[in-house]
């Protein structure tokens, strides 16, 4: 797995009242959700980036009121076996 390092302001953790581990998890989730919303990742791929199960990723989407199913009409019909 590739590691990416980002620099954050020194006072960010204190401002957010978060530990480095919590900030890391939040940044990973935010990136995964953004890439999923833009259609760059599947739910499974985004869950892997976020470091959570697919079910937990779906819960995170729902908590943020983000569409869980991002299929167009034709794609949805194919997934459901109707075309």
PDB file of N, CA and C in Angstrom:
ATOM      1  N   UNK A   1       0.853  -1.176   0.000  1.00  0.00           N
ATOM      2  CA  UNK A   1       0.000   0.000   0.000  1.00  0.00           C
ATOM      3  C   UNK A   1       0.898   1.237   0.000  1.00  0.00           C
ATOM      4  N   UNK A   2       0.514   2.239  -0.737  1.00  0.00           N
ATOM      5  CA  UNK A   2       1.243   3.494  -0.801  1.00  0.00           C
ATOM      6  C   UNK A   2       0.881   4.369   0.388  1.00  0.00           C
ATOM      7  N   UNK A   3       1.866   5.073   0.917  1.00  0.00           N
ATOM      8  CA  UNK A   3       1.645   6.006   2.012  1.00  0.00           C
ATOM      9  C   UNK A   3       1.785   7.421   1.486  1.00  0.00           C
ATOM     10  N   UNK A   4       0.825   8.268   1.846  1.00  0.00           N
ATOM     11  CA  UNK A   4       0.853   9.680   1.474  1.00  0.00           C
ATOM     12  C   UNK A   4       0.916  10.478   2.765  1.00  0.00           C
ATOM     13  N   UNK A   5       1.817  11.433   2.812  1.00  0.00           N
ATOM     14  CA  UNK A   5       1.965  12.268   3.998  1.00  0.00           C
ATOM     15  C   UNK A   5       1.509  13.679   3.658  1.00  0.00           C
ATOM     16  N   UNK A   6       0.710  14.276   4.537  1.00  0.00           N
ATOM     17  CA  UNK A   6       0.287  15.656   4.330  1.00  0.00           C
ATOM     18  C   UNK A   6       0.695  16.488   5.541  1.00  0.00           C
ATOM     19  N   UNK A   7       1.015  17.731   5.281  1.00  0.00           N
ATOM     20  CA  UNK A   7       1.389  18.649   6.356  1.00  0.00           C
ATOM     21  C   UNK A   7       0.153  19.439   6.770  1.00  0.00           C
ATOM     22  N   UNK A   8      -0.071  19.511   8.069  1.00  0.00           N
ATOM     23  CA  UNK A   8      -1.197  20.256   8.612  1.00  0.00           C
ATOM     24  C   UNK A   8      -0.659  21.287   9.603  1.00  0.00           C
ATOM     25  N   UNK A   9      -1.374  22.377   9.798  1.00  0.00           N
ATOM     26  CA  UNK A   9      -0.921  23.378  10.767  1.00  0.00           C
ATOM     27  C   UNK A   9      -0.729  22.763  12.158  1.00  0.00           C
ATOM     28  N   UNK A  10       0.277  23.239  12.873  1.00  0.00           N
ATOM     29  CA  UNK A  10       0.600  22.693  14.189  1.00  0.00           C
ATOM     30  C   UNK A  10      -0.569  22.736  15.163  1.00  0.00           C
ATOM     31  N   UNK A  11      -1.387  23.765  15.088  1.00  0.00           N
ATOM     32  CA  UNK A  11      -2.469  23.919  16.066  1.00  0.00           C
ATOM     33  C   UNK A  11      -3.777  23.247  15.643  1.00  0.00           C
ATOM     34  N   UNK A  12      -3.781  22.566  14.517  1.00  0.00           N
ATOM     35  CA  UNK A  12      -5.025  21.971  14.020  1.00  0.00           C
ATOM     36  C   UNK A  12      -5.607  20.939  14.979  1.00  0.00           C
ATOM     37  N   UNK A  13      -4.782  20.057  15.494  1.00  0.00           N
ATOM     38  CA  UNK A  13      -5.285  19.007  16.383  1.00  0.00           C
ATOM     39  C   UNK A  13      -5.930  19.607  17.630  1.00  0.00           C
ATOM     40  N   UNK A  14      -5.314  20.629  18.171  1.00  0.00           N
ATOM     41  CA  UNK A  14      -5.895  21.289  19.350  1.00  0.00           C
ATOM     42  C   UNK A  14      -7.199  21.989  18.989  1.00  0.00           C
ATOM     43  N   UNK A  15      -7.219  22.636  17.835  1.00  0.00           N
ATOM     44  CA  UNK A  15      -8.425  23.338  17.393  1.00  0.00           C
ATOM     45  C   UNK A  15      -9.586  22.368  17.199  1.00  0.00           C
ATOM     46  N   UNK A  16      -9.291  21.220  16.600  1.00  0.00           N
ATOM     47  CA  UNK A  16     -10.332  20.216  16.331  1.00  0.00           C
ATOM     48  C   UNK A  16     -10.619  19.320  17.538  1.00  0.00           C
ATOM     49  N   UNK A  17      -9.757  19.388  18.547  1.00  0.00           N
ATOM     50  CA  UNK A  17      -9.869  18.496  19.714  1.00  0.00           C
ATOM     51  C   UNK A  17      -9.843  17.039  19.261  1.00  0.00           C
ATOM     52  N   UNK A  18      -8.882  16.736  18.392  1.00  0.00           N
ATOM     53  CA  UNK A  18      -8.734  15.391  17.838  1.00  0.00           C
ATOM     54  C   UNK A  18      -7.288  14.928  17.992  1.00  0.00           C
ATOM     55  N   UNK A  19      -7.125  13.624  18.082  1.00  0.00           N
ATOM     56  CA  UNK A  19      -5.793  13.026  18.095  1.00  0.00           C
ATOM     57  C   UNK A  19      -5.317  12.868  16.650  1.00  0.00           C
ATOM     58  N   UNK A  20      -4.024  12.640  16.449  1.00  0.00           N
ATOM     59  CA  UNK A  20      -3.544  12.386  15.089  1.00  0.00           C
ATOM     60  C   UNK A  20      -4.265  11.206  14.431  1.00  0.00           C
ATOM     61  N   UNK A  21      -4.568  10.174  15.204  1.00  0.00           N
ATOM     62  CA  UNK A  21      -5.268   9.004  14.660  1.00  0.00           C
ATOM     63  C   UNK A  21      -6.683   9.376  14.208  1.00  0.00           C
ATOM     64  N   UNK A  22      -7.362  10.194  14.991  1.00  0.00           N
ATOM     65  CA  UNK A  22      -8.716  10.626  14.626  1.00  0.00           C
ATOM     66  C   UNK A  22      -8.697  11.499  13.372  1.00  0.00           C
ATOM     67  N   UNK A  23      -7.727  12.401  13.281  1.00  0.00           N
ATOM     68  CA  UNK A  23      -7.624  13.263  12.090  1.00  0.00           C
ATOM     69  C   UNK A  23      -7.324  12.417  10.864  1.00  0.00           C
ATOM     70  N   UNK A  24      -6.444  11.454  11.014  1.00  0.00           N
ATOM     71  CA  UNK A  24      -6.128  10.574   9.896  1.00  0.00           C
ATOM     72  C   UNK A  24      -7.379   9.848   9.406  1.00  0.00           C
ATOM     73  N   UNK A  25      -8.168   9.318  10.321  1.00  0.00           N
ATOM     74  CA  UNK A  25      -9.395   8.604   9.952  1.00  0.00           C
ATOM     75  C   UNK A  25     -10.383   9.542   9.267  1.00  0.00           C
ATOM     76  N   UNK A  26     -10.508  10.759   9.776  1.00  0.00           N
ATOM     77  CA  UNK A  26     -11.445  11.713   9.182  1.00  0.00           C
ATOM     78  C   UNK A  26     -11.002  12.140   7.785  1.00  0.00           C
ATOM     79  N   UNK A  27      -9.704  12.346   7.600  1.00  0.00           N
ATOM     80  CA  UNK A  27      -9.198  12.743   6.281  1.00  0.00           C
ATOM     81  C   UNK A  27      -9.381  11.597   5.284  1.00  0.00           C
ATOM     82  N   UNK A  28      -9.100  10.378   5.715  1.00  0.00           N
ATOM     83  CA  UNK A  28      -9.291   9.221   4.825  1.00  0.00           C
ATOM     84  C   UNK A  28     -10.760   9.080   4.432  1.00  0.00           C
ATOM     85  N   UNK A  29     -11.661   9.243   5.404  1.00  0.00           N
ATOM     86  CA  UNK A  29     -13.091   9.131   5.115  1.00  0.00           C
ATOM     87  C   UNK A  29     -13.526  10.252   4.175  1.00  0.00           C
ATOM     88  N   UNK A  30     -13.076  11.460   4.425  1.00  0.00           N
ATOM     89  CA  UNK A  30     -13.462  12.592   3.570  1.00  0.00           C
ATOM     90  C   UNK A  30     -12.999  12.384   2.134  1.00  0.00           C
ATOM     91  N   UNK A  31     -11.777  11.926   1.964  1.00  0.00           N
ATOM     92  CA  UNK A  31     -11.262  11.664   0.617  1.00  0.00           C
ATOM     93  C   UNK A  31     -12.057  10.546  -0.052  1.00  0.00           C
ATOM     94  N   UNK A  32     -12.309   9.475   0.686  1.00  0.00           N
ATOM     95  CA  UNK A  32     -13.050   8.344   0.126  1.00  0.00           C
ATOM     96  C   UNK A  32     -14.454   8.763  -0.300  1.00  0.00           C
ATOM     97  N   UNK A  33     -15.126   9.545   0.530  1.00  0.00           N
ATOM     98  CA  UNK A  33     -16.471  10.005   0.196  1.00  0.00           C
ATOM     99  C   UNK A  33     -16.439  10.908  -1.025  1.00  0.00           C
ATOM    100  N   UNK A  34     -15.484  11.820  -1.084  1.00  0.00           N
ATOM    101  CA  UNK A  34     -15.388  12.716  -2.243  1.00  0.00           C
ATOM    102  C   UNK A  34     -15.147  11.920  -3.522  1.00  0.00           C
ATOM    103  N   UNK A  35     -14.215  11.000  -3.480  1.00  0.00           N
ATOM    104  CA  UNK A  35     -13.918  10.211  -4.674  1.00  0.00           C
ATOM    105  C   UNK A  35     -15.098   9.315  -5.055  1.00  0.00           C
ATOM    106  N   UNK A  36     -15.824   8.800  -4.085  1.00  0.00           N
ATOM    107  CA  UNK A  36     -17.019   8.007  -4.372  1.00  0.00           C
ATOM    108  C   UNK A  36     -18.092   8.880  -5.018  1.00  0.00           C
ATOM    109  N   UNK A  37     -18.333  10.067  -4.461  1.00  0.00           N
ATOM    110  CA  UNK A  37     -19.349  10.981  -5.003  1.00  0.00           C
ATOM    111  C   UNK A  37     -19.046  11.360  -6.440  1.00  0.00           C
ATOM    112  N   UNK A  38     -17.766  11.486  -6.754  1.00  0.00           N
ATOM    113  CA  UNK A  38     -17.354  11.875  -8.106  1.00  0.00           C
ATOM    114  C   UNK A  38     -17.297  10.686  -9.058  1.00  0.00           C
ATOM    115  N   UNK A  39     -17.622   9.504  -8.552  1.00  0.00           N
ATOM    116  CA  UNK A  39     -17.657   8.315  -9.396  1.00  0.00           C
ATOM    117  C   UNK A  39     -16.293   7.730  -9.682  1.00  0.00           C
ATOM    118  N   UNK A  40     -15.284   8.115  -8.918  1.00  0.00           N
ATOM    119  CA  UNK A  40     -13.932   7.618  -9.144  1.00  0.00           C
ATOM    120  C   UNK A  40     -13.670   6.293  -8.451  1.00  0.00           C
ATOM    121  N   UNK A  41     -14.458   6.002  -7.411  1.00  0.00           N
ATOM    122  CA  UNK A  41     -14.307   4.757  -6.665  1.00  0.00           C
ATOM    123  C   UNK A  41     -15.657   4.094  -6.456  1.00  0.00           C
ATOM    124  N   UNK A  42     -15.638   2.779  -6.379  1.00  0.00           N
ATOM    125  CA  UNK A  42     -16.829   2.027  -5.988  1.00  0.00           C
ATOM    126  C   UNK A  42     -16.994   2.138  -4.481  1.00  0.00           C
ATOM    127  N   UNK A  43     -18.126   1.655  -3.971  1.00  0.00           N
ATOM    128  CA  UNK A  43     -18.309   1.638  -2.519  1.00  0.00           C
ATOM    129  C   UNK A  43     -17.215   0.818  -1.842  1.00  0.00           C
ATOM    130  N   UNK A  44     -16.929  -0.331  -2.404  1.00  0.00           N
ATOM    131  CA  UNK A  44     -15.904  -1.189  -1.817  1.00  0.00           C
ATOM    132  C   UNK A  44     -14.534  -0.538  -1.827  1.00  0.00           C
ATOM    133  N   UNK A  45     -14.186   0.084  -2.946  1.00  0.00           N
ATOM    134  CA  UNK A  45     -12.898   0.766  -3.046  1.00  0.00           C
ATOM    135  C   UNK A  45     -12.811   1.942  -2.097  1.00  0.00           C
ATOM    136  N   UNK A  46     -13.899   2.696  -1.993  1.00  0.00           N
ATOM    137  CA  UNK A  46     -13.919   3.843  -1.083  1.00  0.00           C
ATOM    138  C   UNK A  46     -13.844   3.381   0.367  1.00  0.00           C
ATOM    139  N   UNK A  47     -14.536   2.289   0.693  1.00  0.00           N
ATOM    140  CA  UNK A  47     -14.474   1.754   2.054  1.00  0.00           C
ATOM    141  C   UNK A  47     -13.050   1.337   2.400  1.00  0.00           C
ATOM    142  N   UNK A  48     -12.358   0.742   1.446  1.00  0.00           N
ATOM    143  CA  UNK A  48     -10.969   0.337   1.675  1.00  0.00           C
ATOM    144  C   UNK A  48     -10.084   1.554   1.949  1.00  0.00           C
ATOM    145  N   UNK A  49     -10.245   2.619   1.162  1.00  0.00           N
ATOM    146  CA  UNK A  49      -9.479   3.847   1.380  1.00  0.00           C
ATOM    147  C   UNK A  49      -9.797   4.424   2.755  1.00  0.00           C
ATOM    148  N   UNK A  50     -11.074   4.409   3.124  1.00  0.00           N
ATOM    149  CA  UNK A  50     -11.496   4.958   4.416  1.00  0.00           C
ATOM    150  C   UNK A  50     -11.059   4.075   5.586  1.00  0.00           C
ATOM    151  N   UNK A  51     -10.719   2.822   5.299  1.00  0.00           N
ATOM    152  CA  UNK A  51     -10.294   1.915   6.357  1.00  0.00           C
ATOM    153  C   UNK A  51     -11.440   1.359   7.182  1.00  0.00           C
ATOM    154  N   UNK A  52     -12.620   1.240   6.541  1.00  0.00           N
ATOM    155  CA  UNK A  52     -13.802   0.721   7.224  1.00  0.00           C
ATOM    156  C   UNK A  52     -14.443  -0.359   6.365  1.00  0.00           C
ATOM    157  N   UNK A  53     -15.393  -1.071   6.934  1.00  0.00           N
ATOM    158  CA  UNK A  53     -16.143  -2.057   6.158  1.00  0.00           C
ATOM    159  C   UNK A  53     -17.072  -1.332   5.183  1.00  0.00           C
ATOM    160  N   UNK A  54     -17.537  -2.063   4.191  1.00  0.00           N
ATOM    161  CA  UNK A  54     -18.474  -1.459   3.234  1.00  0.00           C
ATOM    162  C   UNK A  54     -19.747  -1.007   3.943  1.00  0.00           C
ATOM    163  N   UNK A  55     -20.230  -1.807   4.882  1.00  0.00           N
ATOM    164  CA  UNK A  55     -21.435  -1.432   5.636  1.00  0.00           C
ATOM    165  C   UNK A  55     -21.212  -0.135   6.404  1.00  0.00           C
ATOM    166  N   UNK A  56     -20.050   0.005   7.034  1.00  0.00           N
ATOM    167  CA  UNK A  56     -19.757   1.234   7.769  1.00  0.00           C
ATOM    168  C   UNK A  56     -19.615   2.427   6.819  1.00  0.00           C
ATOM    169  N   UNK A  57     -19.078   2.184   5.622  1.00  0.00           N
ATOM    170  CA  UNK A  57     -18.975   3.267   4.638  1.00  0.00           C
ATOM    171  C   UNK A  57     -20.366   3.714   4.197  1.00  0.00           C
ATOM    172  N   UNK A  58     -21.249   2.758   3.963  1.00  0.00           N
ATOM    173  CA  UNK A  58     -22.628   3.095   3.592  1.00  0.00           C
ATOM    174  C   UNK A  58     -23.292   3.887   4.714  1.00  0.00           C
ATOM    175  N   UNK A  59     -23.060   3.498   5.954  1.00  0.00           N
ATOM    176  CA  UNK A  59     -23.598   4.251   7.096  1.00  0.00           C
ATOM    177  C   UNK A  59     -23.055   5.680   7.106  1.00  0.00           C
ATOM    178  N   UNK A  60     -21.767   5.834   6.789  1.00  0.00           N
ATOM    179  CA  UNK A  60     -21.160   7.172   6.752  1.00  0.00           C
ATOM    180  C   UNK A  60     -21.788   8.020   5.648  1.00  0.00           C
ATOM    181  N   UNK A  61     -22.067   7.402   4.498  1.00  0.00           N
ATOM    182  CA  UNK A  61     -22.742   8.124   3.413  1.00  0.00           C
ATOM    183  C   UNK A  61     -24.131   8.564   3.861  1.00  0.00           C
ATOM    184  N   UNK A  62     -24.867   7.648   4.452  1.00  0.00           N
ATOM    185  CA  UNK A  62     -26.228   7.956   4.892  1.00  0.00           C
ATOM    186  C   UNK A  62     -26.222   9.058   5.953  1.00  0.00           C
ATOM    187  N   UNK A  63     -25.257   9.019   6.867  1.00  0.00           N
ATOM    188  CA  UNK A  63     -25.175  10.038   7.917  1.00  0.00           C
ATOM    189  C   UNK A  63     -24.939  11.427   7.332  1.00  0.00           C
ATOM    190  N   UNK A  64     -24.291  11.466   6.163  1.00  0.00           N
ATOM    191  CA  UNK A  64     -24.002  12.737   5.495  1.00  0.00           C
ATOM    192  C   UNK A  64     -25.029  13.062   4.402  1.00  0.00           C
ATOM    193  N   UNK A  65     -26.071  12.230   4.340  1.00  0.00           N
ATOM    194  CA  UNK A  65     -27.145  12.393   3.351  1.00  0.00           C
ATOM    195  C   UNK A  65     -26.612  12.386   1.915  1.00  0.00           C
ATOM    196  N   UNK A  66     -25.702  11.466   1.666  1.00  0.00           N
ATOM    197  CA  UNK A  66     -25.132  11.274   0.335  1.00  0.00           C
ATOM    198  C   UNK A  66     -25.762  10.027  -0.254  1.00  0.00           C
ATOM    199  N   UNK A  67     -26.176  10.114  -1.508  1.00  0.00           N
ATOM    200  CA  UNK A  67     -26.809   8.984  -2.181  1.00  0.00           C
ATOM    201  C   UNK A  67     -25.921   7.750  -2.084  1.00  0.00           C
ATOM    202  N   UNK A  68     -26.490   6.670  -1.591  1.00  0.00           N
ATOM    203  CA  UNK A  68     -25.753   5.426  -1.441  1.00  0.00           C
ATOM    204  C   UNK A  68     -25.643   4.711  -2.781  1.00  0.00           C
ATOM    205  N   UNK A  69     -26.681   4.765  -3.581  1.00  0.00           N
ATOM    206  CA  UNK A  69     -26.689   4.138  -4.902  1.00  0.00           C
ATOM    207  C   UNK A  69     -26.470   5.222  -5.933  1.00  0.00           C
ATOM    208  N   UNK A  70     -25.412   5.063  -6.711  1.00  0.00           N
ATOM    209  CA  UNK A  70     -25.086   6.074  -7.716  1.00  0.00           C
ATOM    210  C   UNK A  70     -25.092   5.456  -9.114  1.00  0.00           C
ATOM    211  N   UNK A  71     -26.179   4.812  -9.445  1.00  0.00           N
ATOM    212  CA  UNK A  71     -26.308   4.205 -10.762  1.00  0.00           C
ATOM    213  C   UNK A  71     -27.297   4.995 -11.595  1.00  0.00           C
ATOM    214  N   UNK A  72     -27.002   5.114 -12.871  1.00  0.00           N
ATOM    215  CA  UNK A  72     -27.941   5.720 -13.809  1.00  0.00           C
ATOM    216  C   UNK A  72     -29.058   4.718 -14.087  1.00  0.00           C
ATOM    217  N   UNK A  73     -30.122   5.166 -14.715  1.00  0.00           N
ATOM    218  CA  UNK A  73     -31.284   4.321 -14.976  1.00  0.00           C
ATOM    219  C   UNK A  73     -30.956   3.008 -15.642  1.00  0.00           C
ATOM    220  N   UNK A  74     -30.188   3.039 -16.734  1.00  0.00           N
ATOM    221  CA  UNK A  74     -29.830   1.813 -17.451  1.00  0.00           C
ATOM    222  C   UNK A  74     -28.972   0.898 -16.586  1.00  0.00           C
ATOM    223  N   UNK A  75     -28.033   1.483 -15.867  1.00  0.00           N
ATOM    224  CA  UNK A  75     -27.174   0.688 -14.994  1.00  0.00           C
ATOM    225  C   UNK A  75     -27.986   0.029 -13.885  1.00  0.00           C
ATOM    226  N   UNK A  76     -28.901   0.774 -13.315  1.00  0.00           N
ATOM    227  CA  UNK A  76     -29.732   0.248 -12.236  1.00  0.00           C
ATOM    228  C   UNK A  76     -30.598  -0.907 -12.734  1.00  0.00           C
ATOM    229  N   UNK A  77     -31.183  -0.747 -13.921  1.00  0.00           N
ATOM    230  CA  UNK A  77     -32.000  -1.823 -14.483  1.00  0.00           C
ATOM    231  C   UNK A  77     -31.157  -3.081 -14.699  1.00  0.00           C
ATOM    232  N   UNK A  78     -29.924  -2.912 -15.192  1.00  0.00           N
ATOM    233  CA  UNK A  78     -29.036  -4.069 -15.388  1.00  0.00           C
ATOM    234  C   UNK A  78     -28.707  -4.724 -14.052  1.00  0.00           C
ATOM    235  N   UNK A  79     -28.428  -3.915 -13.034  1.00  0.00           N
ATOM    236  CA  UNK A  79     -28.104  -4.460 -11.709  1.00  0.00           C
ATOM    237  C   UNK A  79     -29.277  -5.246 -11.145  1.00  0.00           C
ATOM    238  N   UNK A  80     -30.498  -4.781 -11.415  1.00  0.00           N
ATOM    239  CA  UNK A  80     -31.679  -5.443 -10.903  1.00  0.00           C
ATOM    240  C   UNK A  80     -32.141  -6.596 -11.785  1.00  0.00           C
ATOM    241  N   UNK A  81     -31.465  -6.786 -12.927  1.00  0.00           N
ATOM    242  CA  UNK A  81     -31.787  -7.879 -13.820  1.00  0.00           C
ATOM    243  C   UNK A  81     -32.975  -7.604 -14.718  1.00  0.00           C
ATOM    244  N   UNK A  82     -33.320  -6.322 -14.888  1.00  0.00           N
ATOM    245  CA  UNK A  82     -34.468  -5.954 -15.714  1.00  0.00           C
ATOM    246  C   UNK A  82     -34.049  -5.437 -17.095  1.00  0.00           C
ATOM    247  N   UNK A  83     -32.875  -5.720 -17.518  1.00  0.00           N
ATOM    248  CA  UNK A  83     -32.481  -5.218 -18.826  1.00  0.00           C
ATOM    249  C   UNK A  83     -31.088  -5.499 -19.057  1.00  0.00           C
TER     250      UNK A  83
END
